[in-house]
């Protein structure tokens, strides 16, 4: 007999039920990636998951909107995971460049059908739950970037006088601004430009002396 599991909203699901619910979420995420939000219907989800209409509404009583919110929650975890191992190890400019390349590649592959765009550009505008979910994601993301900025400040690679938390917030704004343009136009160029410019400006604030040729120093003393 399956052990029962209590969900936060008070609905009790068995292990099997949780697995079914997760399978529906992952299948819907894939459909959104393939066809976009508007073109993905509950009938598509039923066909992809071999579930009935009653099953869909059992796990997602709010219908498509609730299901898309669950997809967005699933995608928020993937957003941070997809940026590893670099996001947690932003200790050199090469690591920052690797992080930048990873972010750009992820959104280039997702294109206009990025499932997280559902949360940021659609659900987040009208659903308090989606706004709260977005806030939690950005808080976690900003915290990891802040740690990276602080590390670079300690090594003199970034001006220690800058507010690390505000720098991290500006980097997220650069990413999300570029993603918004991507979702509107299909072009990745604005995201690349925003990240490249932000990182170049940060790098220019460094106070670490440039490497000098010892022989040149000797010659200048002679």
N, C-alpha and C. Protein backbone atom coordinates (compact mmCIF):
# COMPACT_ATOMS: atom_id res chain seq x y z
N UNK A 1 0.83 -1.20 0.00
CA UNK A 1 0.00 0.00 0.00
C UNK A 1 0.87 1.25 0.00
N UNK A 2 0.56 2.23 -0.86
CA UNK A 2 1.36 3.44 -0.94
C UNK A 2 1.23 4.27 0.32
N UNK A 3 2.38 4.76 0.82
CA UNK A 3 2.35 5.66 1.95
C UNK A 3 1.83 7.02 1.49
N UNK A 4 0.98 7.65 2.29
CA UNK A 4 0.40 8.92 1.90
C UNK A 4 1.34 10.07 2.22
N UNK A 5 1.30 11.09 1.37
CA UNK A 5 2.15 12.26 1.53
C UNK A 5 1.27 13.50 1.58
N UNK A 6 1.53 14.36 2.56
CA UNK A 6 0.73 15.57 2.72
C UNK A 6 1.35 16.69 1.91
N UNK A 7 0.59 17.24 0.97
CA UNK A 7 1.04 18.40 0.21
C UNK A 7 0.79 19.67 1.02
N UNK A 8 1.55 20.76 0.74
CA UNK A 8 1.40 22.00 1.50
C UNK A 8 -0.02 22.54 1.49
N UNK A 9 -0.71 22.40 0.35
CA UNK A 9 -2.05 22.98 0.25
C UNK A 9 -3.11 22.09 0.89
N UNK A 10 -2.69 21.00 1.53
CA UNK A 10 -3.63 20.19 2.28
C UNK A 10 -4.16 18.97 1.55
N UNK A 11 -3.80 18.80 0.28
CA UNK A 11 -4.26 17.63 -0.48
C UNK A 11 -3.31 16.47 -0.21
N UNK A 12 -3.86 15.33 0.12
CA UNK A 12 -3.05 14.17 0.43
C UNK A 12 -2.88 13.33 -0.83
N UNK A 13 -1.63 13.06 -1.18
CA UNK A 13 -1.33 12.22 -2.34
C UNK A 13 -0.44 11.06 -1.91
N UNK A 14 -0.63 9.94 -2.56
CA UNK A 14 0.25 8.81 -2.33
C UNK A 14 1.53 9.04 -3.12
N UNK A 15 2.51 8.20 -2.87
CA UNK A 15 3.76 8.27 -3.64
C UNK A 15 3.46 8.15 -5.14
N UNK A 16 2.56 7.22 -5.45
CA UNK A 16 2.19 7.02 -6.86
C UNK A 16 1.52 8.28 -7.40
N UNK A 17 0.67 8.89 -6.59
CA UNK A 17 0.01 10.11 -7.02
C UNK A 17 0.98 11.24 -7.25
N UNK A 18 1.96 11.38 -6.37
CA UNK A 18 2.98 12.41 -6.55
C UNK A 18 3.78 12.18 -7.82
N UNK A 19 4.08 10.91 -8.09
CA UNK A 19 4.83 10.58 -9.30
C UNK A 19 4.02 10.94 -10.54
N UNK A 20 2.72 10.65 -10.51
CA UNK A 20 1.85 10.98 -11.64
C UNK A 20 1.79 12.50 -11.84
N UNK A 21 1.62 13.22 -10.74
CA UNK A 21 1.56 14.68 -10.83
C UNK A 21 2.85 15.24 -11.42
N UNK A 22 4.00 14.72 -10.96
CA UNK A 22 5.28 15.20 -11.48
C UNK A 22 5.43 14.88 -12.96
N UNK A 23 4.94 13.71 -13.35
CA UNK A 23 5.02 13.33 -14.77
C UNK A 23 4.20 14.28 -15.63
N UNK A 24 3.05 14.72 -15.13
CA UNK A 24 2.21 15.67 -15.86
C UNK A 24 2.93 17.01 -15.98
N UNK A 25 3.56 17.44 -14.90
CA UNK A 25 4.29 18.72 -14.91
C UNK A 25 5.43 18.68 -15.92
N UNK A 26 6.21 17.62 -15.89
CA UNK A 26 7.36 17.53 -16.80
C UNK A 26 6.91 17.43 -18.25
N UNK A 27 5.84 16.71 -18.51
CA UNK A 27 5.32 16.60 -19.87
C UNK A 27 4.81 17.94 -20.37
N UNK A 28 4.14 18.68 -19.49
CA UNK A 28 3.63 19.99 -19.88
C UNK A 28 4.77 20.94 -20.15
N UNK A 29 5.82 20.87 -19.36
CA UNK A 29 7.00 21.70 -19.59
C UNK A 29 7.59 21.43 -20.97
N UNK A 30 7.66 20.16 -21.33
CA UNK A 30 8.18 19.80 -22.66
C UNK A 30 7.28 20.33 -23.78
N UNK A 31 5.97 20.25 -23.56
CA UNK A 31 5.03 20.75 -24.57
C UNK A 31 5.17 22.27 -24.74
N UNK A 32 5.35 22.97 -23.63
CA UNK A 32 5.53 24.43 -23.71
C UNK A 32 6.81 24.75 -24.47
N UNK A 33 7.85 23.98 -24.24
CA UNK A 33 9.10 24.20 -24.97
C UNK A 33 8.90 23.98 -26.47
N UNK A 34 8.08 23.02 -26.81
CA UNK A 34 7.89 22.68 -28.22
C UNK A 34 6.92 23.63 -28.93
N UNK A 35 5.85 24.01 -28.25
CA UNK A 35 4.77 24.72 -28.93
C UNK A 35 4.43 26.10 -28.36
N UNK A 36 4.96 26.41 -27.18
CA UNK A 36 4.59 27.67 -26.55
C UNK A 36 3.42 27.49 -25.61
N UNK A 37 3.18 28.50 -24.80
CA UNK A 37 2.14 28.42 -23.78
C UNK A 37 0.74 28.40 -24.36
N UNK A 38 0.46 29.37 -25.23
CA UNK A 38 -0.90 29.52 -25.76
C UNK A 38 -1.33 28.29 -26.55
N UNK A 39 -0.38 27.67 -27.26
CA UNK A 39 -0.72 26.54 -28.12
C UNK A 39 -0.80 25.22 -27.36
N UNK A 40 -0.39 25.20 -26.12
CA UNK A 40 -0.43 23.98 -25.31
C UNK A 40 -1.79 23.88 -24.61
N UNK A 41 -2.55 22.86 -24.90
CA UNK A 41 -3.87 22.68 -24.31
C UNK A 41 -3.87 21.51 -23.33
N UNK A 42 -4.91 21.45 -22.54
CA UNK A 42 -5.04 20.31 -21.62
C UNK A 42 -5.22 19.01 -22.39
N UNK A 43 -5.84 19.07 -23.56
CA UNK A 43 -5.97 17.87 -24.38
C UNK A 43 -4.59 17.38 -24.82
N UNK A 44 -3.69 18.32 -25.13
CA UNK A 44 -2.32 17.94 -25.49
C UNK A 44 -1.65 17.24 -24.32
N UNK A 45 -1.86 17.78 -23.14
CA UNK A 45 -1.25 17.21 -21.94
C UNK A 45 -1.80 15.81 -21.69
N UNK A 46 -3.12 15.65 -21.84
CA UNK A 46 -3.72 14.33 -21.66
C UNK A 46 -3.15 13.32 -22.64
N UNK A 47 -2.99 13.74 -23.88
CA UNK A 47 -2.47 12.83 -24.90
C UNK A 47 -1.01 12.46 -24.61
N UNK A 48 -0.22 13.44 -24.19
CA UNK A 48 1.20 13.19 -23.93
C UNK A 48 1.40 12.30 -22.70
N UNK A 49 0.52 12.44 -21.71
CA UNK A 49 0.71 11.72 -20.45
C UNK A 49 -0.20 10.51 -20.30
N UNK A 50 -1.09 10.29 -21.26
CA UNK A 50 -2.04 9.18 -21.18
C UNK A 50 -2.86 9.23 -19.89
N UNK A 51 -3.33 10.44 -19.56
CA UNK A 51 -4.17 10.63 -18.39
C UNK A 51 -5.54 11.13 -18.82
N UNK A 52 -6.49 11.01 -17.92
CA UNK A 52 -7.84 11.47 -18.23
C UNK A 52 -8.03 12.92 -17.77
N UNK A 53 -9.12 13.52 -18.23
CA UNK A 53 -9.45 14.88 -17.83
C UNK A 53 -9.67 14.96 -16.33
N UNK A 54 -10.31 13.96 -15.78
CA UNK A 54 -10.56 13.95 -14.33
C UNK A 54 -9.25 13.88 -13.54
N UNK A 55 -8.28 13.14 -14.07
CA UNK A 55 -6.99 13.07 -13.40
C UNK A 55 -6.29 14.43 -13.41
N UNK A 56 -6.33 15.10 -14.55
CA UNK A 56 -5.71 16.42 -14.66
C UNK A 56 -6.28 17.35 -13.60
N UNK A 57 -7.61 17.38 -13.50
CA UNK A 57 -8.25 18.29 -12.55
C UNK A 57 -8.14 17.80 -11.10
N UNK A 58 -7.86 16.51 -10.93
CA UNK A 58 -7.62 16.00 -9.58
C UNK A 58 -6.32 16.60 -9.03
N UNK A 59 -5.29 16.61 -9.87
CA UNK A 59 -4.00 17.13 -9.44
C UNK A 59 -3.90 18.65 -9.57
N UNK A 60 -4.68 19.22 -10.49
CA UNK A 60 -4.64 20.66 -10.74
C UNK A 60 -6.07 21.19 -10.83
N UNK A 61 -6.74 21.35 -9.70
CA UNK A 61 -8.15 21.78 -9.70
C UNK A 61 -8.36 23.12 -10.40
N UNK A 62 -7.32 23.95 -10.43
CA UNK A 62 -7.45 25.25 -11.09
C UNK A 62 -7.26 25.20 -12.59
N UNK A 63 -7.13 24.00 -13.14
CA UNK A 63 -7.00 23.86 -14.58
C UNK A 63 -5.65 24.28 -15.13
N UNK A 64 -5.66 24.82 -16.32
CA UNK A 64 -4.42 25.12 -17.03
C UNK A 64 -3.55 26.11 -16.27
N UNK A 65 -4.16 27.13 -15.68
CA UNK A 65 -3.37 28.14 -14.98
C UNK A 65 -2.60 27.53 -13.81
N UNK A 66 -3.25 26.68 -13.06
CA UNK A 66 -2.58 26.02 -11.93
C UNK A 66 -1.49 25.08 -12.43
N UNK A 67 -1.76 24.40 -13.51
CA UNK A 67 -0.76 23.50 -14.08
C UNK A 67 0.46 24.29 -14.56
N UNK A 68 0.22 25.43 -15.22
CA UNK A 68 1.34 26.25 -15.70
C UNK A 68 2.14 26.82 -14.54
N UNK A 69 1.47 27.12 -13.45
CA UNK A 69 2.19 27.60 -12.27
C UNK A 69 3.10 26.50 -11.73
N UNK A 70 2.60 25.26 -11.74
CA UNK A 70 3.42 24.13 -11.30
C UNK A 70 4.61 23.94 -12.24
N UNK A 71 4.39 24.15 -13.54
CA UNK A 71 5.48 24.07 -14.51
C UNK A 71 6.51 25.15 -14.22
N UNK A 72 6.04 26.36 -13.93
CA UNK A 72 6.95 27.46 -13.64
C UNK A 72 7.78 27.16 -12.40
N UNK A 73 7.15 26.57 -11.39
CA UNK A 73 7.88 26.21 -10.16
C UNK A 73 8.94 25.17 -10.47
N UNK A 74 8.59 24.21 -11.29
CA UNK A 74 9.54 23.18 -11.71
C UNK A 74 10.71 23.81 -12.46
N UNK A 75 10.40 24.79 -13.32
CA UNK A 75 11.44 25.44 -14.11
C UNK A 75 12.35 26.34 -13.28
N UNK A 76 11.82 26.93 -12.20
CA UNK A 76 12.68 27.80 -11.39
C UNK A 76 13.84 27.02 -10.78
N UNK A 77 13.58 25.79 -10.38
CA UNK A 77 14.66 24.96 -9.85
C UNK A 77 15.67 24.66 -10.95
N UNK A 78 15.19 24.45 -12.16
CA UNK A 78 16.08 24.14 -13.27
C UNK A 78 16.92 25.35 -13.67
N UNK A 79 16.37 26.55 -13.50
CA UNK A 79 17.10 27.77 -13.87
C UNK A 79 18.44 27.83 -13.14
N UNK A 80 18.41 27.61 -11.83
CA UNK A 80 19.63 27.67 -11.06
C UNK A 80 20.52 26.46 -11.32
N UNK A 81 19.92 25.29 -11.43
CA UNK A 81 20.69 24.08 -11.69
C UNK A 81 21.41 24.16 -13.02
N UNK A 82 20.76 24.75 -14.02
CA UNK A 82 21.36 24.86 -15.35
C UNK A 82 22.58 25.78 -15.36
N UNK A 83 22.74 26.62 -14.33
CA UNK A 83 23.86 27.55 -14.29
C UNK A 83 25.06 27.00 -13.52
N UNK A 84 24.90 25.78 -13.03
CA UNK A 84 26.01 25.15 -12.31
C UNK A 84 26.92 24.41 -13.29
N UNK A 85 28.20 24.24 -12.93
CA UNK A 85 28.80 24.52 -11.62
C UNK A 85 29.28 25.95 -11.43
N UNK A 86 29.11 26.79 -12.45
CA UNK A 86 29.72 28.12 -12.41
C UNK A 86 29.05 29.08 -11.45
N UNK A 87 27.73 29.01 -11.31
CA UNK A 87 27.03 29.97 -10.47
C UNK A 87 27.51 29.92 -9.02
N UNK A 88 27.89 28.78 -8.56
CA UNK A 88 28.35 28.64 -7.17
C UNK A 88 29.85 28.80 -7.02
N UNK A 89 30.55 29.03 -8.12
CA UNK A 89 32.01 29.15 -8.09
C UNK A 89 32.48 30.34 -8.91
N UNK A 90 31.86 31.50 -8.67
CA UNK A 90 32.23 32.71 -9.42
C UNK A 90 33.44 33.37 -8.76
N UNK A 91 34.60 32.70 -8.87
CA UNK A 91 35.80 33.13 -8.16
C UNK A 91 36.89 33.65 -9.07
N UNK A 92 36.63 33.73 -10.36
CA UNK A 92 37.61 34.26 -11.32
C UNK A 92 36.84 34.82 -12.51
N UNK A 93 37.51 35.65 -13.32
CA UNK A 93 36.83 36.19 -14.50
C UNK A 93 36.52 35.09 -15.50
N UNK A 94 37.33 34.04 -15.53
CA UNK A 94 37.02 32.93 -16.42
C UNK A 94 35.73 32.24 -15.99
N UNK A 95 35.54 32.10 -14.67
CA UNK A 95 34.31 31.49 -14.16
C UNK A 95 33.11 32.36 -14.51
N UNK A 96 33.25 33.67 -14.41
CA UNK A 96 32.15 34.58 -14.78
C UNK A 96 31.84 34.48 -16.27
N UNK A 97 32.89 34.35 -17.09
CA UNK A 97 32.67 34.20 -18.53
C UNK A 97 31.98 32.88 -18.83
N UNK A 98 32.37 31.82 -18.13
CA UNK A 98 31.73 30.52 -18.32
C UNK A 98 30.25 30.58 -17.92
N UNK A 99 29.98 31.29 -16.82
CA UNK A 99 28.60 31.47 -16.38
C UNK A 99 27.80 32.23 -17.43
N UNK A 100 28.38 33.30 -17.93
CA UNK A 100 27.71 34.09 -18.98
C UNK A 100 27.39 33.22 -20.19
N UNK A 101 28.36 32.43 -20.64
CA UNK A 101 28.16 31.58 -21.82
C UNK A 101 27.07 30.54 -21.57
N UNK A 102 27.02 30.01 -20.36
CA UNK A 102 26.02 29.00 -20.01
C UNK A 102 24.61 29.61 -20.05
N UNK A 103 24.48 30.81 -19.48
CA UNK A 103 23.18 31.49 -19.47
C UNK A 103 22.71 31.77 -20.89
N UNK A 104 23.60 32.31 -21.71
CA UNK A 104 23.24 32.63 -23.09
C UNK A 104 22.85 31.38 -23.85
N UNK A 105 23.62 30.29 -23.66
CA UNK A 105 23.32 29.05 -24.37
C UNK A 105 21.96 28.49 -23.96
N UNK A 106 21.66 28.56 -22.67
CA UNK A 106 20.38 28.03 -22.19
C UNK A 106 19.21 28.75 -22.84
N UNK A 107 19.28 30.07 -22.87
CA UNK A 107 18.16 30.82 -23.43
C UNK A 107 18.13 30.77 -24.95
N UNK A 108 19.29 30.58 -25.56
CA UNK A 108 19.29 30.41 -27.03
C UNK A 108 18.58 29.11 -27.40
N UNK A 109 18.84 28.06 -26.62
CA UNK A 109 18.21 26.77 -26.89
C UNK A 109 16.71 26.80 -26.61
N UNK A 110 16.32 27.50 -25.55
CA UNK A 110 14.91 27.57 -25.19
C UNK A 110 14.14 28.48 -26.14
N UNK A 111 14.76 29.59 -26.56
CA UNK A 111 14.12 30.52 -27.49
C UNK A 111 12.84 31.11 -26.93
N UNK A 112 11.89 31.38 -27.79
CA UNK A 112 10.64 32.03 -27.38
C UNK A 112 9.72 31.09 -26.60
N UNK A 113 10.08 29.81 -26.53
CA UNK A 113 9.25 28.85 -25.81
C UNK A 113 9.84 28.49 -24.46
N UNK A 114 10.60 29.41 -23.88
CA UNK A 114 11.16 29.17 -22.55
C UNK A 114 10.02 29.05 -21.54
N UNK A 115 9.88 27.90 -20.87
CA UNK A 115 8.76 27.73 -19.93
C UNK A 115 8.76 28.75 -18.80
N UNK A 116 9.95 29.18 -18.36
CA UNK A 116 9.99 30.15 -17.29
C UNK A 116 9.39 31.48 -17.73
N UNK A 117 9.35 31.72 -19.03
CA UNK A 117 8.72 32.93 -19.53
C UNK A 117 7.24 32.98 -19.16
N UNK A 118 6.66 31.81 -18.97
CA UNK A 118 5.27 31.74 -18.52
C UNK A 118 5.13 32.46 -17.18
N UNK A 119 6.07 32.18 -16.30
CA UNK A 119 6.04 32.79 -14.97
C UNK A 119 6.32 34.28 -15.04
N UNK A 120 7.37 34.67 -15.73
CA UNK A 120 7.82 36.05 -15.71
C UNK A 120 6.89 36.97 -16.49
N UNK A 121 6.45 36.55 -17.66
CA UNK A 121 5.71 37.46 -18.54
C UNK A 121 4.21 37.28 -18.56
N UNK A 122 3.71 36.14 -18.06
CA UNK A 122 2.27 35.91 -18.13
C UNK A 122 1.65 35.74 -16.75
N UNK A 123 1.93 34.63 -16.09
CA UNK A 123 1.30 34.37 -14.80
C UNK A 123 1.67 35.41 -13.76
N UNK A 124 2.94 35.86 -13.80
CA UNK A 124 3.41 36.80 -12.79
C UNK A 124 2.69 38.13 -12.79
N UNK A 125 2.06 38.48 -13.88
CA UNK A 125 1.36 39.75 -13.96
C UNK A 125 0.01 39.74 -13.25
N UNK A 126 -0.53 38.55 -13.02
CA UNK A 126 -1.90 38.51 -12.50
C UNK A 126 -2.10 37.53 -11.36
N UNK A 127 -1.08 36.76 -11.02
CA UNK A 127 -1.23 35.74 -10.00
C UNK A 127 -0.29 35.98 -8.84
N UNK A 128 -0.80 36.28 -7.64
CA UNK A 128 0.07 36.50 -6.48
C UNK A 128 1.01 35.33 -6.22
N UNK A 129 0.51 34.11 -6.42
CA UNK A 129 1.36 32.93 -6.19
C UNK A 129 2.55 32.93 -7.14
N UNK A 130 2.32 33.33 -8.39
CA UNK A 130 3.42 33.38 -9.36
C UNK A 130 4.39 34.49 -9.02
N UNK A 131 3.88 35.62 -8.54
CA UNK A 131 4.75 36.71 -8.14
C UNK A 131 5.64 36.29 -6.97
N UNK A 132 5.06 35.57 -6.03
CA UNK A 132 5.84 35.09 -4.88
C UNK A 132 6.90 34.10 -5.33
N UNK A 133 6.54 33.23 -6.27
CA UNK A 133 7.49 32.24 -6.79
C UNK A 133 8.63 32.93 -7.51
N UNK A 134 8.30 33.94 -8.30
CA UNK A 134 9.33 34.71 -8.99
C UNK A 134 10.26 35.37 -7.98
N UNK A 135 9.67 35.94 -6.93
CA UNK A 135 10.48 36.60 -5.91
C UNK A 135 11.46 35.65 -5.24
N UNK A 136 11.01 34.44 -4.95
CA UNK A 136 11.90 33.46 -4.31
C UNK A 136 13.03 33.06 -5.23
N UNK A 137 12.71 32.87 -6.51
CA UNK A 137 13.75 32.51 -7.47
C UNK A 137 14.80 33.61 -7.56
N UNK A 138 14.36 34.86 -7.73
CA UNK A 138 15.29 35.96 -7.90
C UNK A 138 16.12 36.18 -6.63
N UNK A 139 15.53 35.93 -5.48
CA UNK A 139 16.27 36.07 -4.22
C UNK A 139 17.40 35.06 -4.14
N UNK A 140 17.10 33.81 -4.48
CA UNK A 140 18.14 32.77 -4.45
C UNK A 140 19.22 33.05 -5.48
N UNK A 141 18.80 33.48 -6.67
CA UNK A 141 19.74 33.76 -7.76
C UNK A 141 20.63 34.94 -7.38
N UNK A 142 20.02 35.99 -6.86
CA UNK A 142 20.77 37.19 -6.48
C UNK A 142 21.76 36.88 -5.36
N UNK A 143 21.39 36.02 -4.44
CA UNK A 143 22.27 35.68 -3.33
C UNK A 143 23.54 35.00 -3.84
N UNK A 144 23.41 34.11 -4.82
CA UNK A 144 24.58 33.41 -5.34
C UNK A 144 25.48 34.36 -6.12
N UNK A 145 24.87 35.26 -6.89
CA UNK A 145 25.67 36.24 -7.61
C UNK A 145 26.37 37.19 -6.64
N UNK A 146 25.68 37.57 -5.57
CA UNK A 146 26.29 38.46 -4.57
C UNK A 146 27.54 37.82 -3.96
N UNK A 147 27.45 36.55 -3.65
CA UNK A 147 28.60 35.84 -3.08
C UNK A 147 29.77 35.88 -4.07
N UNK A 148 29.49 35.70 -5.35
CA UNK A 148 30.54 35.77 -6.36
C UNK A 148 31.16 37.15 -6.45
N UNK A 149 30.33 38.17 -6.40
CA UNK A 149 30.84 39.55 -6.45
C UNK A 149 31.72 39.83 -5.23
N UNK A 150 31.27 39.41 -4.05
CA UNK A 150 32.04 39.64 -2.83
C UNK A 150 33.40 38.94 -2.90
N UNK A 151 33.43 37.76 -3.47
CA UNK A 151 34.70 37.05 -3.61
C UNK A 151 35.65 37.84 -4.50
N UNK A 152 35.14 38.36 -5.60
CA UNK A 152 35.97 39.13 -6.51
C UNK A 152 36.40 40.46 -5.89
N UNK A 153 35.60 40.99 -5.01
CA UNK A 153 35.99 42.21 -4.29
C UNK A 153 37.16 41.94 -3.34
N UNK A 154 37.12 40.80 -2.67
CA UNK A 154 38.19 40.46 -1.74
C UNK A 154 39.52 40.27 -2.45
N UNK A 155 39.46 39.80 -3.70
CA UNK A 155 40.69 39.58 -4.46
C UNK A 155 41.10 40.82 -5.26
N UNK A 156 40.33 41.90 -5.13
CA UNK A 156 40.68 43.14 -5.81
C UNK A 156 40.26 43.20 -7.27
N UNK A 157 39.49 42.22 -7.72
CA UNK A 157 39.07 42.18 -9.13
C UNK A 157 37.86 43.06 -9.40
N UNK A 158 37.12 43.40 -8.34
CA UNK A 158 35.98 44.31 -8.43
C UNK A 158 36.12 45.33 -7.31
N UNK A 159 35.78 46.56 -7.60
CA UNK A 159 35.87 47.63 -6.62
C UNK A 159 35.17 47.25 -5.31
N UNK A 160 35.89 47.18 -4.19
CA UNK A 160 35.27 46.81 -2.92
C UNK A 160 34.28 47.84 -2.41
N UNK A 161 34.27 49.02 -2.99
CA UNK A 161 33.34 50.04 -2.57
C UNK A 161 31.94 49.87 -3.14
N UNK A 162 31.79 48.98 -4.11
CA UNK A 162 30.48 48.76 -4.71
C UNK A 162 29.59 47.92 -3.79
N UNK A 163 28.31 48.16 -3.84
CA UNK A 163 27.35 47.37 -3.08
C UNK A 163 27.13 46.05 -3.82
N UNK A 164 27.64 44.96 -3.25
CA UNK A 164 27.62 43.66 -3.93
C UNK A 164 26.20 43.20 -4.22
N UNK A 165 25.27 43.48 -3.32
CA UNK A 165 23.90 43.05 -3.51
C UNK A 165 23.24 43.80 -4.68
N UNK A 166 23.53 45.09 -4.79
CA UNK A 166 22.99 45.88 -5.90
C UNK A 166 23.62 45.47 -7.23
N UNK A 167 24.89 45.12 -7.20
CA UNK A 167 25.55 44.62 -8.41
C UNK A 167 24.88 43.33 -8.87
N UNK A 168 24.63 42.43 -7.91
CA UNK A 168 23.96 41.16 -8.24
C UNK A 168 22.57 41.42 -8.81
N UNK A 169 21.85 42.39 -8.21
CA UNK A 169 20.51 42.72 -8.70
C UNK A 169 20.57 43.26 -10.12
N UNK A 170 21.59 44.07 -10.42
CA UNK A 170 21.70 44.63 -11.77
C UNK A 170 22.01 43.55 -12.80
N UNK A 171 22.76 42.53 -12.40
CA UNK A 171 23.07 41.43 -13.32
C UNK A 171 21.81 40.63 -13.64
N UNK A 172 20.98 40.40 -12.63
CA UNK A 172 19.72 39.71 -12.88
C UNK A 172 18.82 40.54 -13.77
N UNK A 173 18.80 41.86 -13.55
CA UNK A 173 18.00 42.74 -14.40
C UNK A 173 18.50 42.69 -15.84
N UNK A 174 19.81 42.59 -16.02
CA UNK A 174 20.37 42.48 -17.36
C UNK A 174 19.90 41.20 -18.05
N UNK A 175 19.93 40.10 -17.29
CA UNK A 175 19.49 38.82 -17.85
C UNK A 175 18.00 38.87 -18.20
N UNK A 176 17.18 39.31 -17.25
CA UNK A 176 15.74 39.28 -17.47
C UNK A 176 15.30 40.28 -18.53
N UNK A 177 16.01 41.42 -18.62
CA UNK A 177 15.71 42.36 -19.70
C UNK A 177 15.99 41.76 -21.05
N UNK A 178 17.14 41.07 -21.16
CA UNK A 178 17.48 40.41 -22.41
C UNK A 178 16.52 39.29 -22.75
N UNK A 179 16.07 38.56 -21.72
CA UNK A 179 15.12 37.45 -21.95
C UNK A 179 13.77 38.00 -22.41
N UNK A 180 13.36 39.14 -21.85
CA UNK A 180 12.09 39.75 -22.28
C UNK A 180 12.13 40.11 -23.76
N UNK A 181 13.26 40.67 -24.20
CA UNK A 181 13.41 40.99 -25.62
C UNK A 181 13.43 39.71 -26.44
N UNK A 182 14.10 38.69 -25.94
CA UNK A 182 14.14 37.40 -26.63
C UNK A 182 12.74 36.84 -26.82
N UNK A 183 11.92 36.88 -25.78
CA UNK A 183 10.57 36.35 -25.87
C UNK A 183 9.71 37.15 -26.84
N UNK A 184 10.05 38.43 -27.02
CA UNK A 184 9.27 39.29 -27.92
C UNK A 184 9.72 39.19 -29.36
N UNK A 185 11.04 38.95 -29.57
CA UNK A 185 11.59 39.01 -30.93
C UNK A 185 12.23 37.72 -31.41
N UNK A 186 12.59 36.85 -30.47
CA UNK A 186 13.30 35.64 -30.86
C UNK A 186 14.79 35.83 -30.98
N UNK A 187 15.28 37.07 -30.75
CA UNK A 187 16.71 37.35 -30.89
C UNK A 187 17.44 37.32 -29.56
N UNK A 188 18.65 36.76 -29.55
CA UNK A 188 19.44 36.61 -28.34
C UNK A 188 20.41 37.76 -28.14
N UNK A 189 20.55 38.66 -29.14
CA UNK A 189 21.57 39.69 -29.13
C UNK A 189 21.49 40.64 -27.95
N UNK A 190 20.30 41.03 -27.53
CA UNK A 190 20.18 41.97 -26.42
C UNK A 190 20.63 41.34 -25.11
N UNK A 191 20.36 40.06 -24.93
CA UNK A 191 20.82 39.37 -23.73
C UNK A 191 22.34 39.32 -23.70
N UNK A 192 22.95 38.99 -24.82
CA UNK A 192 24.40 38.95 -24.89
C UNK A 192 25.00 40.31 -24.62
N UNK A 193 24.44 41.35 -25.23
CA UNK A 193 24.96 42.70 -25.05
C UNK A 193 24.84 43.15 -23.60
N UNK A 194 23.71 42.87 -22.97
CA UNK A 194 23.49 43.29 -21.59
C UNK A 194 24.48 42.63 -20.65
N UNK A 195 24.70 41.33 -20.81
CA UNK A 195 25.64 40.63 -19.95
C UNK A 195 27.08 41.05 -20.23
N UNK A 196 27.44 41.15 -21.50
CA UNK A 196 28.82 41.51 -21.84
C UNK A 196 29.17 42.90 -21.34
N UNK A 197 28.25 43.85 -21.50
CA UNK A 197 28.50 45.21 -21.04
C UNK A 197 28.59 45.27 -19.52
N UNK A 198 27.69 44.58 -18.84
CA UNK A 198 27.70 44.58 -17.37
C UNK A 198 28.99 44.00 -16.83
N UNK A 199 29.45 42.89 -17.39
CA UNK A 199 30.68 42.26 -16.90
C UNK A 199 31.90 43.10 -17.25
N UNK A 200 31.90 43.74 -18.42
CA UNK A 200 33.03 44.60 -18.81
C UNK A 200 33.14 45.79 -17.86
N UNK A 201 32.01 46.39 -17.51
CA UNK A 201 32.03 47.54 -16.60
C UNK A 201 32.50 47.11 -15.21
N UNK A 202 32.07 45.94 -14.76
CA UNK A 202 32.53 45.44 -13.47
C UNK A 202 34.03 45.19 -13.47
N UNK A 203 34.49 44.59 -14.54
CA UNK A 203 35.92 44.27 -14.63
C UNK A 203 36.77 45.54 -14.61
N UNK A 204 36.25 46.61 -15.20
CA UNK A 204 36.99 47.87 -15.25
C UNK A 204 37.14 48.52 -13.89
N UNK A 205 36.35 48.08 -12.91
CA UNK A 205 36.44 48.68 -11.57
C UNK A 205 37.54 48.05 -10.73
N UNK A 206 38.14 46.96 -11.21
CA UNK A 206 39.14 46.23 -10.43
C UNK A 206 40.32 47.09 -10.03
N UNK A 207 40.88 46.80 -8.86
CA UNK A 207 42.01 47.57 -8.37
C UNK A 207 43.29 46.74 -8.31
N UNK A 208 43.23 45.48 -8.77
CA UNK A 208 44.42 44.64 -8.77
C UNK A 208 45.40 45.15 -9.81
N UNK A 209 46.67 45.41 -9.45
CA UNK A 209 47.66 45.89 -10.43
C UNK A 209 47.84 44.90 -11.56
N UNK A 210 48.01 45.41 -12.77
CA UNK A 210 48.26 44.54 -13.91
C UNK A 210 49.64 43.90 -13.78
N UNK A 211 49.80 42.72 -14.36
CA UNK A 211 51.09 42.02 -14.34
C UNK A 211 52.12 42.83 -15.09
N UNK A 212 53.31 42.94 -14.53
CA UNK A 212 54.37 43.70 -15.17
C UNK A 212 55.57 42.81 -15.39
N UNK A 213 56.33 43.08 -16.43
CA UNK A 213 57.52 42.32 -16.77
C UNK A 213 58.65 42.72 -15.83
N UNK A 214 59.18 41.80 -15.02
CA UNK A 214 60.27 42.14 -14.08
C UNK A 214 61.47 42.75 -14.78
N UNK A 215 61.81 42.27 -16.00
CA UNK A 215 62.96 42.81 -16.71
C UNK A 215 62.76 44.27 -17.06
N UNK A 216 61.51 44.65 -17.32
CA UNK A 216 61.22 46.06 -17.62
C UNK A 216 61.47 46.91 -16.39
N UNK A 217 61.11 46.37 -15.20
CA UNK A 217 61.33 47.11 -13.97
C UNK A 217 62.82 47.33 -13.71
N UNK A 218 63.61 46.27 -13.99
CA UNK A 218 65.06 46.37 -13.79
C UNK A 218 65.64 47.41 -14.74
N UNK A 219 65.17 47.37 -16.00
CA UNK A 219 65.68 48.29 -17.01
C UNK A 219 65.36 49.73 -16.63
N UNK A 220 64.18 49.95 -16.07
CA UNK A 220 63.78 51.32 -15.73
C UNK A 220 64.59 51.87 -14.55
N UNK A 221 65.18 50.95 -13.75
CA UNK A 221 65.98 51.38 -12.62
C UNK A 221 67.43 51.63 -13.00
N UNK A 222 67.83 51.12 -14.15
CA UNK A 222 69.24 51.21 -14.53
C UNK A 222 69.66 52.60 -15.02
